[in-house]
Amino acid sequence: MNISGAEMIVESLKKEGVNIIFGYPGGAVIPIFDVLFAEPSIHVVLTRHEQGAVHAADGYARSTGRPGVVLVTSGPGATNTITGLATANFDSVPIVCLTGQVPKGMIGNDAFQEADTVGISRPVTKHNYLVTERKDIGRIMKEAFYLATTGRPGPVLIDFPKDIQIKKIDDKYPEKIQIRGYKPVSKGHSGQIKKAVKILKEAKRPLFYIGGGINIADAAGIFNNILEKTDIPVISSLMGIGAVPSDHPRYLGMLGMHGTFAANMAVSSSDLLFTIGARFDDRATGELKKFAQQAKIVHIDIDPAAIARNVTVDIPIVGDAKTVLEELYPLIKKPAIDSWIKQTVQWKNTHPLSTETEGNLLSPPLIVRKISEVFPDAIIATEVGQNQMWAALFYNFRKPRTLLTSGGLGTMGYGFPAAIGAQAGNRDKKVIDIAGDGSIQMNIQELATAVQEELPVIIAILNNGYLGMVRQWQELFFDRHYSSTCLMRRPSCPRDCNSPGDQCPPYVPDFIKLAKAYDAVGYRVTEEKDIEPVLKEAGKSKTRPVIIDFIVSREANVWPMVPAGAGNDEMMLGEGSLI
């Protein structure tokens, strides 16, 4: 079959079962877009920025479990993907990113819209390629999808010179692929598994700690079976949320800097931390020297490089979380830990999460609780900052793959395009972006994408007029020096102002007028009685995105909070109090 490189690329996408891609055209990828023009089985979502395209592919991948695909042009088109690729790489999201490149003979000559895409993207991808021979396209495409979706998933980038896209040869897509030196391990070592079973049996205060790996591996089902069998308390990282229903009696909540009182106290008191698919990042552990000092640690992870990188591990088990847990299940028994369970329940009951916040305007936690009540089975995307933590703490997640958030990189502007991708891949589900008024403006241009794709994403903006999380740190640790965090500030304001009030200038932009300009729906909510009715009204939209501008208390803070340098059991519970 004599076909061009562009035709082979599209044929590869079809063979891999791709039916939707996110992208932005340009001169170096016109041949590929031209083939897609006549291909009815693949829908192209035209985003308004390449970063938005990668985040949308990311949200699609996280919510569906299928790899997201991105197609952008050379030079600035490719460089604009870097933040999205880094976000996906940190959080182990399978993405195949296709970029255009100047013709081979022009590479290195500072041609128009040329960039060293492979060199720039190498630190933020699982693997990348520059295609130099037309005959290699099929093999490289096959390898890219395999690499992106196996082992520890991640983004793979392929850079296609324009002349390679045009060249025709007799070619077909390979059925099988083998990559020398790349053999991901799925089964756990039987000896290590037996050691883990033994230590679990002997523990007096065992604690399951689940991370994003449990959702990536689709291991929530088998883990919940283990949870019911053992009755052992469980905590999660931010990325592990959803694997266990948030209202499960043994779920103590999220661990870490803004984790729950019960989760942080439990990890500090446990004698065995049985960890599945978590990285032990600094936001979860607090001060490493003070982390889980009484506990032995079992660590299951598909990535051997992640084990013992940050904490000392007593029993490492390399393998796929689902496979290893299935191997564990028949071997484990319920331990005698009644007094430990009683203690964890007491921690939950004595310090429950509160929806009350400082100030006389709307409470952000209360808004999130109402969203959970009105839309109990939604896919929730978040931006980054206070909105992200309130969503993690106060939405009642019931299923895996329903929280889409930038965990490792903390990318502001992630949530809205991720919600677009999730809605494109889940047309039958309600998708909501819980946003801050700062983060939402970083990719607000994607409102045009949502409108033109007829995606009824709800954007719930918790509008406090600040870059809220940075402002919280400035309040607590920098003498309320609100330096460059007030989103209302103008040159006419007092230089040292840190007292928001009626004297403040009007907020820019007006999100309701902005929604109208994009042909979306807009509501503003200032009173508690209107929260639920407006949410229900927003839920009626079938084809138009909806912005809800919730005017919340300007100096509301996220509690609990573990200060920098403190251990997880040294939490601030509100108003600066330290336990």
Protein backbone atom coordinates (compact mmCIF):
# COMPACT_ATOMS: atom_id res chain seq x y z
CA MET A 1 0.00 0.00 0.00
CA ASN A 2 1.73 3.18 -1.25
CA ILE A 3 0.88 5.85 1.31
CA SER A 4 2.34 9.10 2.62
CA GLY A 5 3.79 9.59 6.06
CA ALA A 6 0.76 11.63 7.08
CA GLU A 7 -1.54 8.82 5.94
CA MET A 8 0.48 6.30 7.95
CA ILE A 9 0.22 8.53 11.05
CA VAL A 10 -3.57 8.64 10.75
CA GLU A 11 -3.72 4.92 9.98
CA SER A 12 -1.68 4.32 13.13
CA LEU A 13 -4.16 6.35 15.19
CA LYS A 14 -7.04 4.29 13.79
CA LYS A 15 -5.25 1.01 14.53
CA GLU A 16 -4.71 2.16 18.14
CA GLY A 17 -8.43 2.84 18.54
CA VAL A 18 -8.11 6.62 18.71
CA ASN A 19 -11.37 8.43 17.94
CA ILE A 20 -10.60 11.86 19.33
CA ILE A 21 -7.52 14.07 19.31
CA PHE A 22 -6.86 17.54 20.66
CA GLY A 23 -4.80 19.98 18.67
CA TYR A 24 -3.99 23.17 16.87
CA PRO A 25 -2.86 23.31 13.20
CA GLY A 26 0.13 25.04 11.66
CA GLY A 27 2.30 24.92 8.58
CA ALA A 28 4.42 21.97 9.71
CA VAL A 29 1.42 19.66 10.28
CA ILE A 30 -0.90 20.67 7.43
CA PRO A 31 -0.35 17.28 5.69
CA ILE A 32 -1.61 15.41 8.78
CA PHE A 33 -4.60 17.71 9.25
CA ASP A 34 -5.37 17.30 5.56
CA VAL A 35 -5.65 13.54 5.96
CA LEU A 36 -7.77 13.98 9.10
CA PHE A 37 -10.14 16.23 7.12
CA ALA A 38 -11.33 13.16 5.20
CA GLU A 39 -11.25 10.72 8.14
CA PRO A 40 -14.72 10.41 9.74
CA SER A 41 -13.65 8.05 12.54
CA ILE A 42 -11.40 10.60 14.28
CA HIS A 43 -12.82 13.81 15.72
CA VAL A 44 -10.42 16.72 16.10
CA VAL A 45 -11.07 19.08 19.01
CA LEU A 46 -9.62 22.45 18.08
CA THR A 47 -8.42 24.06 21.30
CA ARG A 48 -7.41 27.70 21.51
CA HIS A 49 -3.91 27.09 22.85
CA GLU A 50 -1.52 24.14 22.64
CA GLN A 51 -1.18 23.98 26.43
CA GLY A 52 -4.95 23.64 26.57
CA ALA A 53 -4.74 20.79 24.05
CA VAL A 54 -2.36 18.77 26.22
CA HIS A 55 -4.36 19.40 29.40
CA ALA A 56 -7.53 18.35 27.55
CA ALA A 57 -5.85 15.15 26.37
CA ASP A 58 -4.68 14.65 29.96
CA GLY A 59 -8.21 15.02 31.36
CA TYR A 60 -9.50 12.66 28.68
CA ALA A 61 -6.86 10.07 29.60
CA ARG A 62 -7.33 10.28 33.37
CA SER A 63 -11.10 10.01 33.17
CA THR A 64 -11.35 7.27 30.53
CA GLY A 65 -8.19 5.23 31.11
CA ARG A 66 -7.33 5.54 27.39
CA PRO A 67 -4.32 7.45 26.08
CA GLY A 68 -4.88 11.08 25.11
CA VAL A 69 -3.57 12.25 21.74
CA VAL A 70 -2.29 15.72 20.85
CA LEU A 71 -1.37 17.16 17.44
CA VAL A 72 0.38 20.54 17.15
CA THR A 73 2.75 22.33 14.80
CA SER A 74 6.48 23.06 15.09
CA GLY A 75 8.31 25.81 16.98
CA PRO A 76 5.97 27.69 19.32
CA GLY A 77 3.25 25.10 18.80
CA ALA A 78 5.54 22.44 20.21
CA THR A 79 7.07 24.58 22.95
CA ASN A 80 3.59 25.54 24.16
CA THR A 81 2.98 21.87 25.02
CA ILE A 82 5.81 21.66 27.56
CA THR A 83 3.84 22.62 30.68
CA GLY A 84 1.10 20.14 29.78
CA LEU A 85 3.62 17.37 29.13
CA ALA A 86 5.40 18.08 32.43
CA THR A 87 2.04 17.95 34.23
CA ALA A 88 1.23 14.58 32.67
CA ASN A 89 4.72 13.23 33.27
CA PHE A 90 4.62 14.06 36.98
CA ASP A 91 1.22 12.38 37.41
CA SER A 92 1.89 9.37 35.13
CA VAL A 93 -0.73 10.17 32.49
CA PRO A 94 -0.57 8.35 29.11
CA ILE A 95 -0.37 10.89 26.28
CA VAL A 96 0.96 10.62 22.73
CA CYS A 97 1.94 14.08 21.51
CA LEU A 98 2.57 14.50 17.77
CA THR A 99 4.48 17.62 16.76
CA GLY A 100 5.44 18.98 13.36
CA GLN A 101 9.02 19.91 12.51
CA VAL A 102 10.70 21.78 9.67
CA PRO A 103 11.98 19.59 6.81
CA LYS A 104 15.01 17.44 7.67
CA GLY A 105 17.40 19.44 5.54
CA MET A 106 16.48 22.65 7.39
CA ILE A 107 16.90 21.32 10.94
CA GLY A 108 19.63 23.24 12.71
CA ASN A 109 19.51 26.21 10.33
CA ASP A 110 17.22 28.42 12.43
CA ALA A 111 14.38 27.92 9.99
CA PHE A 112 11.03 29.63 10.50
CA GLN A 113 9.18 28.05 13.45
CA GLU A 114 12.01 25.65 14.20
CA ALA A 115 12.79 24.49 17.73
CA ASP A 116 14.73 21.60 19.20
CA THR A 117 11.52 19.93 20.31
CA VAL A 118 13.17 16.64 21.25
CA GLY A 119 15.81 18.39 23.36
CA ILE A 120 13.33 20.70 25.04
CA SER A 121 10.81 17.95 25.83
CA ARG A 122 13.24 15.24 26.94
CA PRO A 123 13.11 16.15 30.68
CA VAL A 124 9.29 16.19 30.76
CA THR A 125 8.39 13.08 28.76
CA LYS A 126 8.71 9.37 29.34
CA HIS A 127 10.32 9.09 25.90
CA ASN A 128 10.52 11.08 22.68
CA TYR A 129 11.44 10.62 19.04
CA LEU A 130 12.60 12.62 16.04
CA VAL A 131 11.51 10.69 12.95
CA THR A 132 14.27 10.82 10.32
CA GLU A 133 13.13 8.04 7.97
CA ARG A 134 9.68 7.60 6.44
CA LYS A 135 9.84 3.81 6.92
CA ASP A 136 10.09 4.21 10.71
CA ILE A 137 6.74 5.95 11.24
CA GLY A 138 4.64 2.82 11.82
CA ARG A 139 7.13 1.27 14.24
CA ILE A 140 7.61 4.50 16.18
CA MET A 141 3.86 5.12 16.47
CA LYS A 142 3.38 1.56 17.75
CA GLU A 143 6.20 1.99 20.25
CA ALA A 144 4.87 5.34 21.41
CA PHE A 145 1.43 4.00 22.35
CA TYR A 146 3.03 0.99 24.05
CA LEU A 147 5.44 3.12 26.06
CA ALA A 148 2.77 5.65 27.01
CA THR A 149 0.39 3.05 28.41
CA THR A 150 2.60 0.37 30.01
CA GLY A 151 4.76 0.28 33.12
CA ARG A 152 4.50 3.66 34.77
CA PRO A 153 2.42 5.50 32.13
CA GLY A 154 3.50 8.86 30.81
CA PRO A 155 3.65 11.22 27.84
CA VAL A 156 5.56 10.25 24.69
CA LEU A 157 6.36 12.85 22.03
CA ILE A 158 7.03 12.21 18.33
CA ASP A 159 8.50 15.00 16.18
CA PHE A 160 7.71 14.67 12.44
CA PRO A 161 9.66 16.72 9.87
CA LYS A 162 7.31 18.00 7.19
CA ASP A 163 9.05 16.23 4.32
CA ILE A 164 8.69 12.89 6.14
CA GLN A 165 4.93 13.49 6.32
CA ILE A 166 4.70 13.97 2.56
CA LYS A 167 6.95 11.14 1.38
CA LYS A 168 5.17 8.01 0.09
CA ILE A 169 6.31 4.39 0.38
CA ASP A 170 4.69 0.95 0.33
CA ASP A 171 3.94 0.50 4.02
CA LYS A 172 1.61 -1.00 6.62
CA TYR A 173 1.18 -0.64 10.38
CA PRO A 174 3.01 -3.33 12.39
CA GLU A 175 0.92 -5.80 14.38
CA LYS A 176 3.48 -6.37 17.15
CA ILE A 177 6.34 -4.47 18.69
CA GLN A 178 9.28 -5.27 20.91
CA ILE A 179 11.46 -2.67 22.59
CA ARG A 180 14.85 -3.91 23.65
CA GLY A 181 15.55 -3.25 27.31
CA TYR A 182 11.99 -2.21 28.15
CA LYS A 183 10.26 -4.99 30.07
CA PRO A 184 7.88 -3.60 32.70
CA VAL A 185 7.31 -5.93 35.64
CA SER A 186 3.69 -6.63 36.54
CA LYS A 187 3.85 -9.58 38.96
CA GLY A 188 5.26 -8.99 42.41
CA HIS A 189 8.09 -11.05 43.85
CA SER A 190 6.47 -13.94 45.73
CA GLY A 191 9.00 -13.80 48.56
CA GLN A 192 8.41 -10.09 49.12
CA ILE A 193 4.66 -10.60 49.05
CA LYS A 194 4.94 -13.29 51.75
CA LYS A 195 7.03 -10.92 53.88
CA ALA A 196 4.38 -8.22 53.46
CA VAL A 197 1.63 -10.65 54.52
CA LYS A 198 3.63 -11.65 57.61
CA ILE A 199 4.36 -8.08 58.72
CA LEU A 200 0.72 -7.13 58.14
CA LYS A 201 -0.41 -10.00 60.34
CA GLU A 202 1.92 -8.92 63.17
CA ALA A 203 1.10 -5.19 63.06
CA LYS A 204 -0.88 -3.61 65.90
CA ARG A 205 -1.53 -0.27 64.20
CA PRO A 206 -1.49 -0.97 60.44
CA LEU A 207 -2.50 1.69 57.93
CA PHE A 208 -3.07 1.47 54.19
CA TYR A 209 -1.68 4.42 52.25
CA ILE A 210 -2.93 4.58 48.65
CA GLY A 211 -1.64 6.88 45.92
CA GLY A 212 -2.40 7.69 42.31
CA GLY A 213 -0.94 4.37 41.17
CA ILE A 214 -3.98 2.53 42.49
CA ASN A 215 -6.26 4.53 40.18
CA ILE A 216 -3.90 4.30 37.21
CA ALA A 217 -3.75 0.50 37.55
CA ASP A 218 -7.54 0.20 37.87
CA ALA A 219 -6.88 -1.52 41.19
CA ALA A 220 -9.64 0.14 43.21
CA GLY A 221 -11.92 -2.91 42.97
CA ILE A 222 -9.45 -5.42 44.39
CA PHE A 223 -8.24 -2.93 46.98
CA ASN A 224 -11.77 -2.39 48.29
CA ASN A 225 -12.10 -6.18 48.58
CA ILE A 226 -8.93 -6.21 50.68
CA LEU A 227 -10.24 -3.32 52.73
CA GLU A 228 -13.46 -5.18 53.52
CA LYS A 229 -11.52 -8.34 54.35
CA THR A 230 -9.04 -6.70 56.72
CA ASP A 231 -10.95 -3.67 58.09
CA ILE A 232 -7.65 -1.78 58.22
CA PRO A 233 -7.90 2.04 58.22
CA VAL A 234 -6.82 3.75 55.00
CA ILE A 235 -5.48 7.16 54.02
CA SER A 236 -4.74 8.51 50.55
CA SER A 237 -2.55 10.98 48.76
CA LEU A 238 -4.24 13.70 46.72
CA MET A 239 -3.90 11.51 43.63
CA GLY A 240 -5.28 8.44 45.40
CA ILE A 241 -8.63 10.09 46.13
CA GLY A 242 -11.58 8.20 44.65
CA ALA A 243 -10.14 4.70 44.97
CA VAL A 244 -12.09 4.35 48.22
CA PRO A 245 -15.43 6.14 48.71
CA SER A 246 -14.81 9.26 50.78
CA ASP A 247 -17.59 8.25 53.18
CA HIS A 248 -16.22 4.73 53.78
CA PRO A 249 -16.05 4.14 57.56
CA ARG A 250 -12.35 3.21 57.42
CA TYR A 251 -11.27 6.05 55.14
CA LEU A 252 -9.54 8.71 57.21
CA GLY A 253 -9.00 11.19 54.40
CA MET A 254 -6.10 12.75 52.56
CA LEU A 255 -2.64 12.88 54.07
CA GLY A 256 -0.25 15.81 54.16
CA MET A 257 0.05 19.57 54.27
CA HIS A 258 -3.72 20.06 54.00
CA GLY A 259 -4.67 16.54 54.99
CA THR A 260 -7.30 15.66 57.55
CA PHE A 261 -6.55 15.55 61.26
CA ALA A 262 -7.34 11.82 61.38
CA ALA A 263 -5.10 10.93 58.42
CA ASN A 264 -2.14 12.91 59.70
CA MET A 265 -2.43 11.58 63.24
CA ALA A 266 -2.82 8.02 62.00
CA VAL A 267 0.31 8.08 59.86
CA SER A 268 2.27 9.54 62.76
CA SER A 269 1.05 6.79 65.12
CA SER A 270 0.95 3.70 62.91
CA ASP A 271 3.44 0.86 63.24
CA LEU A 272 3.00 -0.31 59.62
CA LEU A 273 2.42 1.90 56.61
CA PHE A 274 1.29 -0.38 53.78
CA THR A 275 1.78 1.82 50.73
CA ILE A 276 0.37 1.26 47.24
CA GLY A 277 1.29 3.47 44.28
CA ALA A 278 2.38 6.60 46.15
CA ARG A 279 5.55 8.69 45.73
CA PHE A 280 6.00 9.99 49.30
CA ASP A 281 6.27 13.54 47.97
CA ASP A 282 7.05 16.42 50.28
CA ARG A 283 3.47 17.74 50.41
CA ALA A 284 2.36 14.36 51.76
CA THR A 285 5.20 13.60 54.18
CA GLY A 286 5.85 16.97 55.77
CA GLU A 287 9.31 17.08 57.36
CA LEU A 288 10.86 13.76 56.30
CA LYS A 289 12.74 13.27 59.57
CA LYS A 290 9.41 13.35 61.39
CA PHE A 291 7.44 11.19 58.95
CA ALA A 292 5.92 7.91 60.19
CA GLN A 293 8.70 7.49 62.75
CA GLN A 294 7.06 4.49 64.43
CA ALA A 295 6.18 2.63 61.25
CA LYS A 296 7.75 -0.01 59.11
CA ILE A 297 6.97 0.61 55.46
CA VAL A 298 5.78 -1.70 52.69
CA HIS A 299 5.87 -0.03 49.28
CA ILE A 300 4.22 -1.44 46.14
CA ASP A 301 4.97 0.45 42.93
CA ILE A 302 5.33 -0.28 39.22
CA ASP A 303 8.31 2.07 39.03
CA PRO A 304 11.38 0.71 40.85
CA ALA A 305 12.92 4.19 40.80
CA ALA A 306 10.06 5.49 42.96
CA ILE A 307 10.69 2.99 45.76
CA ALA A 308 12.89 4.23 48.62
CA ARG A 309 13.59 7.48 46.76
CA ASN A 310 12.30 9.66 49.59
CA VAL A 311 11.76 7.35 52.57
CA THR A 312 13.39 4.17 53.83
CA VAL A 313 11.34 1.14 52.80
CA ASP A 314 11.41 -2.14 54.72
CA ILE A 315 9.65 -4.31 52.14
CA PRO A 316 9.77 -3.08 48.53
CA ILE A 317 7.52 -4.81 45.97
CA VAL A 318 7.93 -3.87 42.31
CA GLY A 319 4.86 -4.62 40.24
CA ASP A 320 1.51 -3.51 38.90
CA ALA A 321 -0.74 -2.51 41.80
CA LYS A 322 -3.72 -4.52 40.59
CA THR A 323 -1.68 -7.66 39.92
CA VAL A 324 0.15 -7.49 43.25
CA LEU A 325 -3.04 -6.89 45.22
CA GLU A 326 -4.69 -9.84 43.49
CA GLU A 327 -1.72 -11.94 44.58
CA LEU A 328 -2.03 -10.62 48.14
CA TYR A 329 -5.77 -11.01 48.56
CA PRO A 330 -6.00 -14.79 49.20
CA LEU A 331 -3.07 -14.68 51.65
CA ILE A 332 -4.16 -11.95 54.05
CA LYS A 333 -6.48 -12.18 57.04
CA LYS A 334 -8.20 -9.69 59.29
CA PRO A 335 -5.81 -8.60 62.05
CA ALA A 336 -6.81 -8.05 65.69
CA ILE A 337 -6.77 -4.25 65.73
CA ASP A 338 -10.00 -3.22 67.46
CA SER A 339 -8.31 -0.70 69.74
CA TRP A 340 -6.51 0.87 66.76
CA ILE A 341 -9.74 1.20 64.80
CA LYS A 342 -11.38 2.78 67.85
CA GLN A 343 -8.55 5.33 68.04
CA THR A 344 -8.83 6.32 64.36
CA VAL A 345 -12.60 6.71 64.65
CA GLN A 346 -12.06 8.95 67.65
CA TRP A 347 -9.70 11.16 65.64
CA LYS A 348 -12.32 11.47 62.89
CA ASN A 349 -15.06 12.34 65.36
CA THR A 350 -13.14 14.82 67.50
CA HIS A 351 -11.77 16.87 64.59
CA PRO A 352 -14.16 16.63 61.64
CA LEU A 353 -13.76 18.93 58.67
CA SER A 354 -15.68 22.17 59.08
CA THR A 355 -17.44 24.15 56.34
CA GLU A 356 -17.22 27.35 58.40
CA THR A 357 -14.70 29.92 57.17
CA GLU A 358 -13.49 33.37 58.10
CA GLY A 359 -15.46 36.34 56.76
CA ASN A 360 -19.12 37.11 56.14
CA LEU A 361 -19.35 36.01 52.50
CA LEU A 362 -19.93 32.52 51.11
CA SER A 363 -17.98 29.59 52.54
CA PRO A 364 -15.94 27.77 49.86
CA PRO A 365 -16.12 24.40 51.68
CA LEU A 366 -19.90 24.74 51.91
CA ILE A 367 -20.11 25.38 48.15
CA VAL A 368 -18.07 22.24 47.46
CA ARG A 369 -20.32 20.23 49.80
CA LYS A 370 -23.38 21.51 47.91
CA ILE A 371 -21.77 20.56 44.59
CA SER A 372 -21.27 17.06 46.00
CA GLU A 373 -24.91 16.84 47.07
CA VAL A 374 -26.36 18.14 43.79
CA PHE A 375 -23.93 16.20 41.56
CA PRO A 376 -22.95 13.09 43.56
CA ASP A 377 -21.44 11.20 40.60
CA ALA A 378 -19.69 14.00 38.74
CA ILE A 379 -16.18 14.07 37.36
CA ILE A 380 -14.44 16.87 39.24
CA ALA A 381 -11.53 18.77 37.74
CA THR A 382 -9.72 21.38 39.77
CA GLU A 383 -7.36 24.21 39.21
CA VAL A 384 -4.48 24.57 41.68
CA GLY A 385 -4.48 26.29 45.04
CA GLN A 386 -7.13 26.65 47.71
CA ASN A 387 -9.87 25.53 45.31
CA GLN A 388 -7.95 22.28 44.76
CA MET A 389 -7.65 21.52 48.47
CA TRP A 390 -11.27 22.40 49.24
CA ALA A 391 -12.38 20.08 46.42
CA ALA A 392 -10.19 17.25 47.71
CA LEU A 393 -11.41 17.67 51.28
CA PHE A 394 -15.10 18.42 50.88
CA TYR A 395 -16.35 16.66 47.74
CA ASN A 396 -17.56 13.13 48.49
CA PHE A 397 -15.71 11.12 45.84
CA ARG A 398 -17.22 7.69 45.31
CA LYS A 399 -15.38 6.25 42.31
CA PRO A 400 -11.88 6.19 40.81
CA ARG A 401 -11.01 8.45 37.89
CA THR A 402 -13.39 11.16 39.09
CA LEU A 403 -10.82 13.63 40.45
CA LEU A 404 -8.69 15.32 37.80
CA THR A 405 -6.05 17.54 39.33
CA SER A 406 -2.43 18.52 38.80
CA GLY A 407 -0.73 16.82 41.74
CA GLY A 408 3.00 16.77 41.17
CA LEU A 409 3.59 19.92 39.12
CA GLY A 410 0.74 21.98 40.58
CA THR A 411 -0.20 23.58 37.26
CA MET A 412 -2.52 26.56 37.47
CA GLY A 413 -4.82 26.59 34.45
CA TYR A 414 -5.00 22.79 34.30
CA GLY A 415 -8.56 22.20 35.46
CA PHE A 416 -10.72 23.81 32.80
CA PRO A 417 -9.09 22.26 29.71
CA ALA A 418 -8.85 18.94 31.59
CA ALA A 419 -12.60 19.19 32.22
CA ILE A 420 -13.14 19.79 28.49
CA GLY A 421 -11.17 16.64 27.68
CA ALA A 422 -13.07 14.64 30.28
CA GLN A 423 -16.43 15.85 28.98
CA ALA A 424 -15.42 15.03 25.40
CA GLY A 425 -14.62 11.50 26.53
CA ASN A 426 -17.62 11.13 28.86
CA ARG A 427 -20.58 12.76 27.14
CA ASP A 428 -23.04 11.04 29.48
CA LYS A 429 -21.49 12.38 32.71
CA LYS A 430 -21.54 15.72 34.46
CA VAL A 431 -18.11 17.36 34.52
CA ILE A 432 -17.37 20.24 36.88
CA ASP A 433 -14.24 22.39 37.17
CA ILE A 434 -13.85 23.73 40.70
CA ALA A 435 -11.71 26.79 40.05
CA GLY A 436 -10.10 29.77 41.67
CA ASP A 437 -10.54 33.17 40.07
CA GLY A 438 -6.78 33.31 39.49
CA SER A 439 -6.25 29.86 37.97
CA ILE A 440 -9.29 29.98 35.71
CA GLN A 441 -7.89 32.99 33.85
CA MET A 442 -4.76 31.09 32.79
CA ASN A 443 -6.65 29.08 30.17
CA ILE A 444 -9.98 30.93 30.00
CA GLN A 445 -9.67 31.06 26.20
CA GLU A 446 -10.74 27.41 26.11
CA LEU A 447 -14.27 28.61 26.81
CA ALA A 448 -14.51 28.99 23.03
CA THR A 449 -13.54 25.33 22.66
CA ALA A 450 -16.22 24.20 25.12
CA VAL A 451 -18.87 26.32 23.39
CA GLN A 452 -18.05 25.16 19.88
CA GLU A 453 -17.77 21.52 20.94
CA GLU A 454 -21.12 21.85 22.76
CA LEU A 455 -19.67 20.59 26.05
CA PRO A 456 -21.81 21.53 29.08
CA VAL A 457 -18.91 21.78 31.54
CA ILE A 458 -19.79 23.66 34.73
CA ILE A 459 -17.08 26.05 35.94
CA ALA A 460 -17.59 26.78 39.63
CA ILE A 461 -15.35 29.77 40.40
CA LEU A 462 -14.58 30.32 44.09
CA ASN A 463 -13.96 34.03 43.66
CA ASN A 464 -12.09 35.62 46.55
CA GLY A 465 -10.24 38.28 44.56
CA TYR A 466 -6.87 36.84 45.51
CA LEU A 467 -4.33 34.27 44.48
CA GLY A 468 -5.67 32.54 47.53
CA MET A 469 -3.10 29.94 48.52
CA VAL A 470 -0.17 32.35 48.21
CA ARG A 471 -2.19 34.95 50.13
CA GLN A 472 -2.81 32.39 52.89
CA TRP A 473 0.93 31.84 53.26
CA GLN A 474 1.50 35.61 53.27
CA GLU A 475 -1.10 35.99 56.02
CA LEU A 476 0.28 33.23 58.21
CA PHE A 477 4.04 33.51 57.68
CA PHE A 478 4.81 36.90 56.07
CA ASP A 479 3.00 39.41 58.32
CA ARG A 480 0.06 39.81 55.92
CA HIS A 481 2.25 41.34 53.22
CA TYR A 482 -0.15 40.72 50.34
CA SER A 483 2.48 41.24 47.69
CA SER A 484 1.14 40.74 44.13
CA THR A 485 -1.68 38.45 45.24
CA CYS A 486 -4.64 40.84 45.20
CA LEU A 487 -6.45 40.54 41.86
CA MET A 488 -8.28 43.85 42.41
CA ARG A 489 -5.19 45.94 43.07
CA ARG A 490 -4.58 49.07 40.99
CA PRO A 491 -1.82 51.72 41.14
CA SER A 492 -4.20 54.01 43.04
CA CYS A 493 -4.49 51.54 45.94
CA PRO A 494 -2.42 52.08 49.12
CA ARG A 495 0.91 50.33 48.67
CA ASP A 496 0.70 48.42 51.96
CA CYS A 497 -3.02 47.52 51.76
CA ASN A 498 -3.91 44.19 53.33
CA SER A 499 -7.50 44.92 54.37
CA PRO A 500 -10.04 44.01 51.68
CA GLY A 501 -13.36 45.78 51.93
CA ASP A 502 -15.97 47.97 50.26
CA GLN A 503 -13.25 50.45 49.23
CA CYS A 504 -11.68 47.97 46.83
CA PRO A 505 -11.85 48.65 43.07
CA PRO A 506 -14.25 46.55 40.98
CA TYR A 507 -13.11 43.04 40.09
CA VAL A 508 -11.80 42.42 36.58
CA PRO A 509 -13.03 40.56 34.62
CA ASP A 510 -16.77 40.34 35.08
CA PHE A 511 -17.15 36.57 34.63
CA ILE A 512 -20.85 36.86 33.75
CA LYS A 513 -20.15 39.27 30.90
CA LEU A 514 -17.24 37.07 29.86
CA ALA A 515 -19.53 34.05 29.65
CA LYS A 516 -21.96 36.04 27.51
CA ALA A 517 -19.14 37.15 25.20
CA TYR A 518 -18.28 33.49 24.57
CA ASP A 519 -21.95 32.46 24.20
CA ALA A 520 -21.77 30.46 27.43
CA VAL A 521 -24.17 30.72 30.39
CA GLY A 522 -23.23 32.81 33.42
CA TYR A 523 -24.57 33.10 36.98
CA ARG A 524 -23.35 34.99 40.04
CA VAL A 525 -24.09 33.74 43.55
CA THR A 526 -23.62 35.89 46.64
CA GLU A 527 -26.06 34.32 49.13
CA GLU A 528 -26.10 30.84 50.64
CA LYS A 529 -29.75 30.25 49.80
CA ASP A 530 -28.97 30.53 46.08
CA ILE A 531 -26.14 27.98 45.92
CA GLU A 532 -28.24 24.85 45.43
CA PRO A 533 -30.88 26.34 43.07
CA VAL A 534 -28.21 27.81 40.77
CA LEU A 535 -26.27 24.53 40.73
CA LYS A 536 -29.43 22.67 39.75
CA GLU A 537 -30.21 25.21 37.04
CA ALA A 538 -26.66 24.92 35.71
CA GLY A 539 -27.06 21.15 35.58
CA LYS A 540 -29.91 21.50 33.08
CA SER A 541 -27.61 22.77 30.35
CA LYS A 542 -27.06 20.08 27.71
CA THR A 543 -24.82 21.80 25.17
CA ARG A 544 -23.49 25.06 26.65
CA PRO A 545 -20.80 25.50 29.29
CA VAL A 546 -21.86 27.32 32.45
CA ILE A 547 -19.82 29.70 34.62
CA ILE A 548 -20.97 30.18 38.21
CA ASP A 549 -19.19 33.07 39.91
CA PHE A 550 -19.39 32.33 43.65
CA ILE A 551 -18.35 35.42 45.65
CA VAL A 552 -16.63 33.83 48.65
CA SER A 553 -15.00 35.12 51.82
CA ARG A 554 -11.87 36.89 50.68
CA GLU A 555 -9.58 35.65 53.43
CA ALA A 556 -10.95 32.16 53.91
CA ASN A 557 -8.14 29.69 54.60
CA VAL A 558 -7.68 25.97 54.06
CA TRP A 559 -7.50 24.00 57.31
CA PRO A 560 -5.82 21.89 58.58
CA MET A 561 -2.37 23.03 57.52
CA VAL A 562 1.05 21.57 58.27
CA PRO A 563 3.60 24.42 58.24
CA ALA A 564 6.91 24.03 56.42
CA GLY A 565 9.40 22.07 58.53
CA ALA A 566 6.72 20.53 60.75
CA GLY A 567 5.65 16.92 61.06
CA ASN A 568 2.22 15.78 59.96
CA ASP A 569 1.01 15.68 63.57
CA GLU A 570 1.97 19.34 64.08
CA MET A 571 -1.06 20.83 62.34
CA MET A 572 -2.55 24.28 62.40
CA LEU A 573 -6.29 23.76 62.79
CA GLY A 574 -7.49 27.32 62.22
CA GLU A 575 -6.80 30.90 63.21
CA GLY A 576 -3.10 30.09 63.49
CA SER A 577 -3.54 27.52 66.27
CA LEU A 578 -0.97 24.72 66.44
CA ILE A 579 -1.88 21.42 68.08
